[in-house]
PDB file of N, CA and C in Angstrom:
ATOM      1  N   MET A   1     194.729  29.165 182.509  1.00  0.00           N
ATOM      2  CA  MET A   1     193.447  29.347 182.176  1.00  0.00           C
ATOM      3  C   MET A   1     193.303  30.791 181.786  1.00  0.00           C
ATOM      4  N   THR A   2     192.388  31.142 180.539  1.00  0.00           N
ATOM      5  CA  THR A   2     192.475  32.440 180.022  1.00  0.00           C
ATOM      6  C   THR A   2     191.305  32.993 180.679  1.00  0.00           C
ATOM      7  N   LYS A   3     191.472  34.538 180.980  1.00  0.00           N
ATOM      8  CA  LYS A   3     190.561  35.435 181.207  1.00  0.00           C
ATOM      9  C   LYS A   3     189.627  35.894 180.214  1.00  0.00           C
ATOM     10  N   PHE A   4     188.367  35.308 180.370  1.00  0.00           N
ATOM     11  CA  PHE A   4     187.339  35.991 179.395  1.00  0.00           C
ATOM     12  C   PHE A   4     186.752  37.131 179.541  1.00  0.00           C
ATOM     13  N   LYS A   5     186.657  38.350 178.775  1.00  0.00           N
ATOM     14  CA  LYS A   5     186.413  39.513 179.013  1.00  0.00           C
ATOM     15  C   LYS A   5     184.782  39.823 178.683  1.00  0.00           C
ATOM     16  N   ILE A   6     184.294  38.849 177.851  1.00  0.00           N
ATOM     17  CA  ILE A   6     183.012  38.956 177.492  1.00  0.00           C
ATOM     18  C   ILE A   6     182.373  37.724 178.356  1.00  0.00           C
ATOM     19  N   LYS A   7     181.178  38.129 179.083  1.00  0.00           N
ATOM     20  CA  LYS A   7     180.410  37.298 179.977  1.00  0.00           C
ATOM     21  C   LYS A   7     178.969  37.313 179.698  1.00  0.00           C
ATOM     22  N   SER A   8     178.249  36.513 179.958  1.00  0.00           N
ATOM     23  CA  SER A   8     176.914  36.210 179.413  1.00  0.00           C
ATOM     24  C   SER A   8     176.069  37.404 180.101  1.00  0.00           C
ATOM     25  N   GLY A   9     175.242  37.779 179.300  1.00  0.00           N
ATOM     26  CA  GLY A   9     174.390  38.918 179.585  1.00  0.00           C
ATOM     27  C   GLY A   9     174.848  40.207 179.081  1.00  0.00           C
ATOM     28  N   ASP A  10     176.216  40.283 178.475  1.00  0.00           N
ATOM     29  CA  ASP A  10     176.596  41.132 177.876  1.00  0.00           C
ATOM     30  C   ASP A  10     176.008  41.541 176.298  1.00  0.00           C
ATOM     31  N   THR A  11     176.015  42.792 175.881  1.00  0.00           N
ATOM     32  CA  THR A  11     175.561  43.031 174.688  1.00  0.00           C
ATOM     33  C   THR A  11     176.937  43.322 173.822  1.00  0.00           C
ATOM     34  N   VAL A  12     177.082  42.649 172.526  1.00  0.00           N
ATOM     35  CA  VAL A  12     178.129  42.463 171.821  1.00  0.00           C
ATOM     36  C   VAL A  12     177.813  42.945 170.455  1.00  0.00           C
ATOM     37  N   ARG A  13     178.977  43.265 169.651  1.00  0.00           N
ATOM     38  CA  ARG A  13     178.624  43.440 167.972  1.00  0.00           C
ATOM     39  C   ARG A  13     179.593  42.450 167.474  1.00  0.00           C
ATOM     40  N   VAL A  14     179.150  41.993 166.331  1.00  0.00           N
ATOM     41  CA  VAL A  14     179.953  41.011 165.583  1.00  0.00           C
ATOM     42  C   VAL A  14     180.980  41.787 164.585  1.00  0.00           C
ATOM     43  N   ILE A  15     182.447  41.599 164.893  1.00  0.00           N
ATOM     44  CA  ILE A  15     183.012  42.519 164.208  1.00  0.00           C
ATOM     45  C   ILE A  15     184.073  42.005 163.029  1.00  0.00           C
ATOM     46  N   ALA A  16     183.547  40.590 162.800  1.00  0.00           N
ATOM     47  CA  ALA A  16     184.246  39.922 161.623  1.00  0.00           C
ATOM     48  C   ALA A  16     183.268  38.731 161.215  1.00  0.00           C
ATOM     49  N   GLY A  17     183.313  38.250 160.024  1.00  0.00           N
ATOM     50  CA  GLY A  17     182.586  37.100 159.329  1.00  0.00           C
ATOM     51  C   GLY A  17     181.330  37.480 158.837  1.00  0.00           C
ATOM     52  N   ASP A  18     180.684  36.608 158.544  1.00  0.00           N
ATOM     53  CA  ASP A  18     179.530  36.732 157.874  1.00  0.00           C
ATOM     54  C   ASP A  18     178.399  37.813 158.475  1.00  0.00           C
ATOM     55  N   HIS A  19     178.480  37.646 159.521  1.00  0.00           N
ATOM     56  CA  HIS A  19     177.225  38.359 160.384  1.00  0.00           C
ATOM     57  C   HIS A  19     177.889  39.770 161.024  1.00  0.00           C
ATOM     58  N   LYS A  20     178.969  40.417 160.295  1.00  0.00           N
ATOM     59  CA  LYS A  20     179.778  41.555 160.811  1.00  0.00           C
ATOM     60  C   LYS A  20     178.443  42.588 160.717  1.00  0.00           C
ATOM     61  N   GLY A  21     178.483  43.314 161.883  1.00  0.00           N
ATOM     62  CA  GLY A  21     177.871  44.525 162.279  1.00  0.00           C
ATOM     63  C   GLY A  21     176.522  44.165 163.074  1.00  0.00           C
ATOM     64  N   THR A  22     176.259  42.922 163.162  1.00  0.00           N
ATOM     65  CA  THR A  22     174.931  42.347 164.085  1.00  0.00           C
ATOM     66  C   THR A  22     175.214  42.600 165.448  1.00  0.00           C
ATOM     67  N   GLU A  23     174.210  42.740 166.406  1.00  0.00           N
ATOM     68  CA  GLU A  23     174.276  43.084 167.578  1.00  0.00           C
ATOM     69  C   GLU A  23     173.484  42.030 168.261  1.00  0.00           C
ATOM     70  N   GLY A  24     173.587  41.541 169.480  1.00  0.00           N
ATOM     71  CA  GLY A  24     172.844  40.862 170.466  1.00  0.00           C
ATOM     72  C   GLY A  24     173.547  40.573 171.718  1.00  0.00           C
ATOM     73  N   ASN A  25     172.729  39.828 172.493  1.00  0.00           N
ATOM     74  CA  ASN A  25     173.035  39.699 173.815  1.00  0.00           C
ATOM     75  C   ASN A  25     173.689  38.145 173.695  1.00  0.00           C
ATOM     76  N   VAL A  26     174.892  38.049 174.706  1.00  0.00           N
ATOM     77  CA  VAL A  26     175.388  36.924 174.932  1.00  0.00           C
ATOM     78  C   VAL A  26     174.528  35.771 175.772  1.00  0.00           C
ATOM     79  N   LEU A  27     174.231  34.718 175.200  1.00  0.00           N
ATOM     80  CA  LEU A  27     173.521  33.719 176.064  1.00  0.00           C
ATOM     81  C   LEU A  27     174.246  33.076 176.793  1.00  0.00           C
ATOM     82  N   LYS A  28     175.428  32.374 176.381  1.00  0.00           N
ATOM     83  CA  LYS A  28     176.335  31.615 176.827  1.00  0.00           C
ATOM     84  C   LYS A  28     177.721  31.728 176.499  1.00  0.00           C
ATOM     85  N   VAL A  29     178.715  31.404 177.388  1.00  0.00           N
ATOM     86  CA  VAL A  29     179.965  31.369 177.012  1.00  0.00           C
ATOM     87  C   VAL A  29     180.617  30.105 177.121  1.00  0.00           C
ATOM     88  N   LEU A  30     181.154  29.487 175.988  1.00  0.00           N
ATOM     89  CA  LEU A  30     181.713  28.126 176.238  1.00  0.00           C
ATOM     90  C   LEU A  30     183.273  28.183 176.225  1.00  0.00           C
ATOM     91  N   LYS A  31     183.666  28.087 177.525  1.00  0.00           N
ATOM     92  CA  LYS A  31     185.202  28.576 177.830  1.00  0.00           C
ATOM     93  C   LYS A  31     186.133  27.277 177.547  1.00  0.00           C
ATOM     94  N   ASP A  32     185.820  26.309 177.262  1.00  0.00           N
ATOM     95  CA  ASP A  32     186.636  25.167 176.775  1.00  0.00           C
ATOM     96  C   ASP A  32     186.931  25.474 175.172  1.00  0.00           C
ATOM     97  N   LYS A  33     185.996  25.914 174.435  1.00  0.00           N
ATOM     98  CA  LYS A  33     186.261  26.430 173.048  1.00  0.00           C
ATOM     99  C   LYS A  33     186.425  27.642 172.465  1.00  0.00           C
ATOM    100  N   ASN A  34     186.564  28.808 173.640  1.00  0.00           N
ATOM    101  CA  ASN A  34     186.736  30.220 173.543  1.00  0.00           C
ATOM    102  C   ASN A  34     185.565  30.706 172.384  1.00  0.00           C
ATOM    103  N   LYS A  35     184.267  30.251 172.645  1.00  0.00           N
ATOM    104  CA  LYS A  35     183.291  30.556 171.782  1.00  0.00           C
ATOM    105  C   LYS A  35     182.111  31.055 172.756  1.00  0.00           C
ATOM    106  N   ALA A  36     181.079  31.765 171.937  1.00  0.00           N
ATOM    107  CA  ALA A  36     180.092  32.387 172.751  1.00  0.00           C
ATOM    108  C   ALA A  36     178.705  32.260 171.862  1.00  0.00           C
ATOM    109  N   ILE A  37     177.539  31.778 172.477  1.00  0.00           N
ATOM    110  CA  ILE A  37     176.288  31.926 171.695  1.00  0.00           C
ATOM    111  C   ILE A  37     175.609  33.183 171.873  1.00  0.00           C
ATOM    112  N   ILE A  38     175.380  33.905 170.807  1.00  0.00           N
ATOM    113  CA  ILE A  38     174.623  35.191 170.636  1.00  0.00           C
ATOM    114  C   ILE A  38     173.271  34.911 170.328  1.00  0.00           C
ATOM    115  N   GLU A  39     172.315  35.645 170.903  1.00  0.00           N
ATOM    116  CA  GLU A  39     170.825  35.714 170.741  1.00  0.00           C
ATOM    117  C   GLU A  39     170.642  36.157 169.279  1.00  0.00           C
ATOM    118  N   GLY A  40     170.036  35.400 168.359  1.00  0.00           N
ATOM    119  CA  GLY A  40     169.740  35.900 167.209  1.00  0.00           C
ATOM    120  C   GLY A  40     170.660  35.843 166.077  1.00  0.00           C
ATOM    121  N   VAL A  41     171.937  35.615 166.511  1.00  0.00           N
ATOM    122  CA  VAL A  41     172.981  35.761 165.690  1.00  0.00           C
ATOM    123  C   VAL A  41     173.524  34.406 165.075  1.00  0.00           C
ATOM    124  N   ASN A  42     174.031  34.165 163.974  1.00  0.00           N
ATOM    125  CA  ASN A  42     174.532  32.970 163.381  1.00  0.00           C
ATOM    126  C   ASN A  42     173.836  31.803 163.566  1.00  0.00           C
ATOM    127  N   MET A  43     172.359  31.898 163.149  1.00  0.00           N
ATOM    128  CA  MET A  43     171.369  30.852 163.097  1.00  0.00           C
ATOM    129  C   MET A  43     171.637  30.020 162.267  1.00  0.00           C
ATOM    130  N   VAL A  44     171.545  28.479 162.584  1.00  0.00           N
ATOM    131  CA  VAL A  44     171.484  27.428 161.633  1.00  0.00           C
ATOM    132  C   VAL A  44     170.362  26.531 161.909  1.00  0.00           C
ATOM    133  N   LYS A  45     170.078  25.748 160.621  1.00  0.00           N
ATOM    134  CA  LYS A  45     169.064  24.942 160.556  1.00  0.00           C
ATOM    135  C   LYS A  45     169.339  23.540 161.120  1.00  0.00           C
ATOM    136  N   LYS A  46     168.824  22.831 161.984  1.00  0.00           N
ATOM    137  CA  LYS A  46     168.936  21.410 162.302  1.00  0.00           C
ATOM    138  C   LYS A  46     167.897  20.537 162.190  1.00  0.00           C
ATOM    139  N   HIS A  47     168.179  19.376 161.434  1.00  0.00           N
ATOM    140  CA  HIS A  47     166.967  18.470 161.390  1.00  0.00           C
ATOM    141  C   HIS A  47     166.962  17.534 162.579  1.00  0.00           C
ATOM    142  N   THR A  48     165.848  17.369 163.149  1.00  0.00           N
ATOM    143  CA  THR A  48     165.622  16.753 164.381  1.00  0.00           C
ATOM    144  C   THR A  48     164.467  15.612 164.222  1.00  0.00           C
ATOM    145  N   LYS A  49     164.729  14.370 164.793  1.00  0.00           N
ATOM    146  CA  LYS A  49     163.968  13.067 164.707  1.00  0.00           C
ATOM    147  C   LYS A  49     162.690  13.609 165.667  1.00  0.00           C
ATOM    148  N   PRO A  50     161.468  12.850 165.349  1.00  0.00           N
ATOM    149  CA  PRO A  50     160.628  13.054 166.481  1.00  0.00           C
ATOM    150  C   PRO A  50     161.136  12.351 167.771  1.00  0.00           C
ATOM    151  N   SER A  51     160.500  12.969 168.807  1.00  0.00           N
ATOM    152  CA  SER A  51     160.908  12.708 170.168  1.00  0.00           C
ATOM    153  C   SER A  51     159.777  13.144 171.065  1.00  0.00           C
ATOM    154  N   ALA A  52     159.990  12.867 172.299  1.00  0.00           N
ATOM    155  CA  ALA A  52     158.965  13.239 173.331  1.00  0.00           C
ATOM    156  C   ALA A  52     158.772  14.686 173.461  1.00  0.00           C
ATOM    157  N   GLN A  53     159.873  15.420 173.426  1.00  0.00           N
ATOM    158  CA  GLN A  53     159.857  16.955 173.525  1.00  0.00           C
ATOM    159  C   GLN A  53     159.248  17.537 172.302  1.00  0.00           C
ATOM    160  N   SER A  54     159.509  16.896 171.116  1.00  0.00           N
ATOM    161  CA  SER A  54     159.055  17.573 169.673  1.00  0.00           C
ATOM    162  C   SER A  54     158.464  16.389 169.000  1.00  0.00           C
ATOM    163  N   PRO A  55     157.351  15.980 169.118  1.00  0.00           N
ATOM    164  CA  PRO A  55     156.613  14.672 168.713  1.00  0.00           C
ATOM    165  C   PRO A  55     156.626  15.130 166.920  1.00  0.00           C
ATOM    166  N   GLN A  56     156.504  16.220 166.507  1.00  0.00           N
ATOM    167  CA  GLN A  56     156.520  16.319 164.961  1.00  0.00           C
ATOM    168  C   GLN A  56     157.908  16.233 164.436  1.00  0.00           C
ATOM    169  N   GLY A  57     158.891  16.456 164.944  1.00  0.00           N
ATOM    170  CA  GLY A  57     160.263  16.600 164.384  1.00  0.00           C
ATOM    171  C   GLY A  57     160.216  17.676 163.627  1.00  0.00           C
ATOM    172  N   GLY A  58     161.329  17.514 162.576  1.00  0.00           N
ATOM    173  CA  GLY A  58     161.369  18.630 161.570  1.00  0.00           C
ATOM    174  C   GLY A  58     162.754  19.537 161.508  1.00  0.00           C
ATOM    175  N   ILE A  59     162.545  20.614 161.016  1.00  0.00           N
ATOM    176  CA  ILE A  59     163.645  21.570 160.998  1.00  0.00           C
ATOM    177  C   ILE A  59     163.613  22.485 161.991  1.00  0.00           C
ATOM    178  N   VAL A  60     164.698  22.698 162.863  1.00  0.00           N
ATOM    179  CA  VAL A  60     164.820  23.692 163.975  1.00  0.00           C
ATOM    180  C   VAL A  60     165.740  24.735 163.623  1.00  0.00           C
ATOM    181  N   GLU A  61     165.470  25.644 163.917  1.00  0.00           N
ATOM    182  CA  GLU A  61     166.546  27.017 163.819  1.00  0.00           C
ATOM    183  C   GLU A  61     167.026  27.444 165.372  1.00  0.00           C
ATOM    184  N   LYS A  62     168.535  27.337 165.386  1.00  0.00           N
ATOM    185  CA  LYS A  62     168.921  27.400 166.634  1.00  0.00           C
ATOM    186  C   LYS A  62     170.311  28.411 166.494  1.00  0.00           C
ATOM    187  N   GLU A  63     170.893  29.093 167.612  1.00  0.00           N
ATOM    188  CA  GLU A  63     172.080  29.722 167.419  1.00  0.00           C
ATOM    189  C   GLU A  63     173.222  28.898 167.564  1.00  0.00           C
ATOM    190  N   ALA A  64     174.293  29.169 166.603  1.00  0.00           N
ATOM    191  CA  ALA A  64     175.557  28.335 166.755  1.00  0.00           C
ATOM    192  C   ALA A  64     176.727  29.111 167.258  1.00  0.00           C
ATOM    193  N   PRO A  65     177.475  28.632 168.041  1.00  0.00           N
ATOM    194  CA  PRO A  65     178.545  29.535 168.806  1.00  0.00           C
ATOM    195  C   PRO A  65     179.471  30.213 167.688  1.00  0.00           C
ATOM    196  N   MET A  66     180.024  31.259 168.299  1.00  0.00           N
ATOM    197  CA  MET A  66     180.886  32.309 167.460  1.00  0.00           C
ATOM    198  C   MET A  66     182.216  32.357 168.066  1.00  0.00           C
ATOM    199  N   HIS A  67     183.545  32.383 167.535  1.00  0.00           N
ATOM    200  CA  HIS A  67     184.592  32.695 168.242  1.00  0.00           C
ATOM    201  C   HIS A  67     184.441  33.880 169.066  1.00  0.00           C
ATOM    202  N   LEU A  68     185.389  34.021 170.162  1.00  0.00           N
ATOM    203  CA  LEU A  68     185.334  35.341 170.943  1.00  0.00           C
ATOM    204  C   LEU A  68     185.973  36.385 170.248  1.00  0.00           C
ATOM    205  N   SER A  69     187.026  36.030 169.486  1.00  0.00           N
ATOM    206  CA  SER A  69     187.796  37.002 168.827  1.00  0.00           C
ATOM    207  C   SER A  69     187.107  37.935 167.756  1.00  0.00           C
ATOM    208  N   ASN A  70     185.824  37.271 167.515  1.00  0.00           N
ATOM    209  CA  ASN A  70     184.873  37.935 166.259  1.00  0.00           C
ATOM    210  C   ASN A  70     183.959  38.953 166.827  1.00  0.00           C
ATOM    211  N   LEU A  71     184.086  39.031 168.477  1.00  0.00           N
ATOM    212  CA  LEU A  71     183.084  40.014 169.178  1.00  0.00           C
ATOM    213  C   LEU A  71     183.676  41.103 169.914  1.00  0.00           C
ATOM    214  N   SER A  72     182.851  42.066 169.895  1.00  0.00           N
ATOM    215  CA  SER A  72     183.245  43.226 170.524  1.00  0.00           C
ATOM    216  C   SER A  72     182.201  43.807 171.610  1.00  0.00           C
ATOM    217  N   LEU A  73     182.559  44.112 172.703  1.00  0.00           N
ATOM    218  CA  LEU A  73     181.874  44.736 173.725  1.00  0.00           C
ATOM    219  C   LEU A  73     181.206  45.757 173.294  1.00  0.00           C
ATOM    220  N   LEU A  74     179.723  46.148 173.634  1.00  0.00           N
ATOM    221  CA  LEU A  74     179.109  47.568 173.562  1.00  0.00           C
ATOM    222  C   LEU A  74     179.083  48.227 174.678  1.00  0.00           C
ATOM    223  N   THR A  75     179.255  49.674 174.717  1.00  0.00           N
ATOM    224  CA  THR A  75     179.147  50.403 175.695  1.00  0.00           C
ATOM    225  C   THR A  75     177.609  50.888 175.832  1.00  0.00           C
ATOM    226  N   SER A  76     177.236  51.420 176.977  1.00  0.00           N
ATOM    227  CA  SER A  76     175.754  51.813 177.183  1.00  0.00           C
ATOM    228  C   SER A  76     175.516  52.829 176.181  1.00  0.00           C
ATOM    229  N   LYS A  77     176.496  53.675 175.429  1.00  0.00           N
ATOM    230  CA  LYS A  77     176.268  54.679 174.346  1.00  0.00           C
ATOM    231  C   LYS A  77     176.108  53.852 172.927  1.00  0.00           C
ATOM    232  N   GLY A  78     176.232  52.587 172.895  1.00  0.00           N
ATOM    233  CA  GLY A  78     176.342  51.765 171.673  1.00  0.00           C
ATOM    234  C   GLY A  78     177.420  51.709 170.686  1.00  0.00           C
ATOM    235  N   GLU A  79     178.550  52.172 171.422  1.00  0.00           N
ATOM    236  CA  GLU A  79     179.980  51.983 170.560  1.00  0.00           C
ATOM    237  C   GLU A  79     180.540  50.908 171.145  1.00  0.00           C
ATOM    238  N   THR A  80     181.667  50.227 170.320  1.00  0.00           N
ATOM    239  CA  THR A  80     182.406  48.932 170.717  1.00  0.00           C
ATOM    240  C   THR A  80     183.597  49.931 171.454  1.00  0.00           C
ATOM    241  N   THR A  81     183.850  48.875 172.388  1.00  0.00           N
ATOM    242  CA  THR A  81     185.278  48.859 173.255  1.00  0.00           C
ATOM    243  C   THR A  81     185.926  47.773 173.505  1.00  0.00           C
ATOM    244  N   ARG A  82     187.108  48.255 174.193  1.00  0.00           N
ATOM    245  CA  ARG A  82     187.819  46.916 174.815  1.00  0.00           C
ATOM    246  C   ARG A  82     187.559  46.872 176.322  1.00  0.00           C
ATOM    247  N   VAL A  83     187.848  45.840 176.906  1.00  0.00           N
ATOM    248  CA  VAL A  83     187.659  45.878 178.485  1.00  0.00           C
ATOM    249  C   VAL A  83     188.859  45.661 178.974  1.00  0.00           C
ATOM    250  N   GLY A  84     188.894  46.428 180.196  1.00  0.00           N
ATOM    251  CA  GLY A  84     190.068  46.529 181.217  1.00  0.00           C
ATOM    252  C   GLY A  84     189.650  46.157 182.571  1.00  0.00           C
ATOM    253  N   TYR A  85     190.387  45.930 183.444  1.00  0.00           N
ATOM    254  CA  TYR A  85     190.116  45.423 184.961  1.00  0.00           C
ATOM    255  C   TYR A  85     191.025  46.506 185.676  1.00  0.00           C
ATOM    256  N   LYS A  86     190.259  46.819 186.748  1.00  0.00           N
ATOM    257  CA  LYS A  86     190.742  47.699 187.913  1.00  0.00           C
ATOM    258  C   LYS A  86     190.101  47.081 189.193  1.00  0.00           C
ATOM    259  N   ILE A  87     191.068  47.688 190.243  1.00  0.00           N
ATOM    260  CA  ILE A  87     190.329  47.371 191.628  1.00  0.00           C
ATOM    261  C   ILE A  87     189.885  48.720 192.432  1.00  0.00           C
ATOM    262  N   GLU A  88     188.594  48.740 192.535  1.00  0.00           N
ATOM    263  CA  GLU A  88     187.836  49.744 193.236  1.00  0.00           C
ATOM    264  C   GLU A  88     187.452  49.199 194.683  1.00  0.00           C
ATOM    265  N   GLY A  89     188.190  49.556 195.825  1.00  0.00           N
ATOM    266  CA  GLY A  89     187.994  49.250 197.004  1.00  0.00           C
ATOM    267  C   GLY A  89     188.314  47.880 197.167  1.00  0.00           C
ATOM    268  N   ASP A  90     187.702  47.269 197.348  1.00  0.00           N
ATOM    269  CA  ASP A  90     187.984  45.496 197.714  1.00  0.00           C
ATOM    270  C   ASP A  90     187.629  44.854 196.445  1.00  0.00           C
ATOM    271  N   LYS A  91     186.877  45.481 195.473  1.00  0.00           N
ATOM    272  CA  LYS A  91     186.375  44.356 194.243  1.00  0.00           C
ATOM    273  C   LYS A  91     187.067  44.910 193.098  1.00  0.00           C
ATOM    274  N   LYS A  92     187.404  43.822 192.161  1.00  0.00           N
ATOM    275  CA  LYS A  92     188.109  43.880 190.878  1.00  0.00           C
ATOM    276  C   LYS A  92     186.687  43.995 189.938  1.00  0.00           C
ATOM    277  N   VAL A  93     186.733  44.894 189.158  1.00  0.00           N
ATOM    278  CA  VAL A  93     185.522  45.388 188.270  1.00  0.00           C
ATOM    279  C   VAL A  93     186.241  45.617 186.942  1.00  0.00           C
ATOM    280  N   ARG A  94     185.266  45.272 185.789  1.00  0.00           N
ATOM    281  CA  ARG A  94     185.472  45.435 184.479  1.00  0.00           C
ATOM    282  C   ARG A  94     185.255  46.946 183.985  1.00  0.00           C
ATOM    283  N   PHE A  95     185.928  47.575 183.075  1.00  0.00           N
ATOM    284  CA  PHE A  95     185.790  48.790 182.633  1.00  0.00           C
ATOM    285  C   PHE A  95     185.992  49.212 181.298  1.00  0.00           C
ATOM    286  N   SER A  96     185.241  50.015 180.498  1.00  0.00           N
ATOM    287  CA  SER A  96     185.496  50.260 179.129  1.00  0.00           C
ATOM    288  C   SER A  96     186.906  51.290 178.978  1.00  0.00           C
ATOM    289  N   THR A  97     187.535  50.786 178.278  1.00  0.00           N
ATOM    290  CA  THR A  97     188.870  51.928 178.062  1.00  0.00           C
ATOM    291  C   THR A  97     188.719  52.868 177.075  1.00  0.00           C
ATOM    292  N   LYS A  98     187.469  52.865 176.372  1.00  0.00           N
ATOM    293  CA  LYS A  98     187.190  54.265 175.843  1.00  0.00           C
ATOM    294  C   LYS A  98     186.630  55.134 176.532  1.00  0.00           C
ATOM    295  N   SER A  99     185.753  54.696 177.270  1.00  0.00           N
ATOM    296  CA  SER A  99     185.067  55.745 177.990  1.00  0.00           C
ATOM    297  C   SER A  99     185.338  55.747 179.628  1.00  0.00           C
ATOM    298  N   ASN A 100     185.993  54.595 180.161  1.00  0.00           N
ATOM    299  CA  ASN A 100     186.725  54.783 181.365  1.00  0.00           C
ATOM    300  C   ASN A 100     185.376  54.396 182.416  1.00  0.00           C
ATOM    301  N   GLU A 101     184.393  53.915 181.927  1.00  0.00           N
ATOM    302  CA  GLU A 101     183.060  53.782 182.815  1.00  0.00           C
ATOM    303  C   GLU A 101     183.123  52.250 183.061  1.00  0.00           C
ATOM    304  N   VAL A 102     182.719  52.070 184.445  1.00  0.00           N
ATOM    305  CA  VAL A 102     182.603  50.569 185.030  1.00  0.00           C
ATOM    306  C   VAL A 102     181.473  49.857 184.245  1.00  0.00           C
ATOM    307  N   ILE A 103     181.791  48.730 183.753  1.00  0.00           N
ATOM    308  CA  ILE A 103     180.621  47.812 183.155  1.00  0.00           C
ATOM    309  C   ILE A 103     179.871  47.066 184.143  1.00  0.00           C
TER     310      ILE A 103
END
């Protein structure tokens, strides 16, 4: 099983693809597909039929998943970084390899 270095709640920047340079928070990580859903990025239009939740139906915009290889984690200073792991005391923590600060 692969260890994912991006988790939900992280702020990321898209580093490749049509949405390159945009930033957003990770809403959900899809582990089986190696993809993540980022808030406000990669929006697609979905045509929906009328139902109990949406009696009108119509066209709905929602976020589509992006591959994790196209994302880079942002530090508190707003720069992209890679993620490493180290043990502090009894806990395993993530840290920024650029600034060496704990995420």
